[in-house]
Amino acid sequence: MTATPTSIPSRCAPEASLRTHIRIVGMNCPKCVVGLEATLAALPGVHRVTVHFEHGDAEIEHDAALARERLLETVEAAGYDAV
């Protein structure tokens, strides 16, 4: 059995994709995760989003053309503080 490393981009994502880690402050419940994941996933160029309520962070796989600043603005527009 061969294990696939988790750091390899998905086959759906273009080769010029990045992974961005963002700390998120202000999530009060697991429902916040669902809404924030949907908001970030709706951005053009986002391939995968994982928001962790317990850790207060998000990992976003996206096109290199999508700036980190745009991701931070999106989190803040959703009502959270982003670092």
Protein backbone atom coordinates (compact mmCIF):
# COMPACT_ATOMS: atom_id res chain seq x y z
CA MET A 1 0.00 0.00 0.00
CA THR A 2 1.40 3.41 -0.97
CA ALA A 3 0.62 6.50 1.08
CA THR A 4 0.07 9.80 -0.68
CA PRO A 5 1.71 12.79 1.04
CA THR A 6 -0.79 15.46 2.07
CA SER A 7 1.46 18.27 0.88
CA ILE A 8 0.98 17.44 -2.80
CA PRO A 9 -1.58 19.71 -4.50
CA SER A 10 -4.77 18.07 -5.67
CA ARG A 11 -4.97 16.94 -9.28
CA CYS A 12 -7.73 19.48 -9.90
CA ALA A 13 -5.55 22.39 -8.86
CA PRO A 14 -3.19 23.99 -11.35
CA GLU A 15 0.52 23.57 -10.73
CA ALA A 16 0.86 27.24 -9.80
CA SER A 17 -1.25 26.84 -6.68
CA LEU A 18 -0.34 28.00 -3.19
CA ARG A 19 -1.38 27.06 0.30
CA THR A 20 -2.04 29.96 2.62
CA HIS A 21 -2.46 29.64 6.37
CA ILE A 22 -4.54 32.29 8.15
CA ARG A 23 -5.19 32.66 11.88
CA ILE A 24 -8.81 33.58 12.56
CA VAL A 25 -10.11 35.30 15.67
CA GLY A 26 -13.80 35.54 16.54
CA MET A 27 -15.26 32.16 15.60
CA ASN A 28 -17.70 31.30 18.39
CA CYS A 29 -19.09 27.95 17.27
CA PRO A 30 -18.66 25.19 14.69
CA LYS A 31 -21.38 26.81 12.54
CA CYS A 32 -18.93 29.66 11.92
CA VAL A 33 -16.66 27.14 10.18
CA VAL A 34 -19.32 26.16 7.67
CA GLY A 35 -20.12 29.75 6.73
CA LEU A 36 -16.50 30.83 6.47
CA GLU A 37 -15.52 27.80 4.39
CA ALA A 38 -18.36 28.56 1.97
CA THR A 39 -17.40 32.24 1.77
CA LEU A 40 -13.74 31.49 1.03
CA ALA A 41 -14.57 28.64 -1.37
CA ALA A 42 -16.72 31.05 -3.42
CA LEU A 43 -13.70 33.19 -4.29
CA PRO A 44 -12.49 32.67 -7.86
CA GLY A 45 -9.22 30.76 -7.81
CA VAL A 46 -9.82 28.91 -4.52
CA HIS A 47 -9.48 25.13 -4.87
CA ARG A 48 -9.80 23.89 -1.30
CA VAL A 49 -10.57 25.41 2.10
CA THR A 50 -10.24 23.85 5.53
CA VAL A 51 -11.24 25.92 8.57
CA HIS A 52 -10.42 24.55 12.03
CA PHE A 53 -12.64 25.84 14.83
CA GLU A 54 -10.48 24.27 17.54
CA HIS A 55 -7.26 25.84 16.24
CA GLY A 56 -8.78 29.11 15.07
CA ASP A 57 -7.24 28.95 11.63
CA ALA A 58 -7.80 28.20 7.97
CA GLU A 59 -5.74 26.61 5.23
CA ILE A 60 -6.61 27.69 1.72
CA GLU A 61 -5.27 26.14 -1.48
CA HIS A 62 -5.58 28.67 -4.29
CA ASP A 63 -4.19 30.02 -7.54
CA ALA A 64 -0.96 31.97 -7.13
CA ALA A 65 -2.71 34.97 -8.71
CA LEU A 66 -5.08 35.24 -5.71
CA ALA A 67 -3.32 37.47 -3.19
CA ARG A 68 -3.16 36.71 0.53
CA GLU A 69 -4.55 40.20 1.13
CA ARG A 70 -7.75 39.26 -0.75
CA LEU A 71 -8.16 36.19 1.48
CA LEU A 72 -7.66 38.32 4.61
CA GLU A 73 -10.18 40.89 3.35
CA THR A 74 -12.72 38.13 2.72
CA VAL A 75 -12.33 36.72 6.24
CA GLU A 76 -12.66 40.21 7.72
CA ALA A 77 -15.72 40.99 5.56
CA ALA A 78 -17.31 37.84 7.02
CA GLY A 79 -16.95 39.36 10.49
CA TYR A 80 -13.74 37.81 11.80
CA ASP A 81 -10.24 39.11 12.48
CA ALA A 82 -7.57 37.56 10.28
CA VAL A 83 -3.81 37.40 10.74
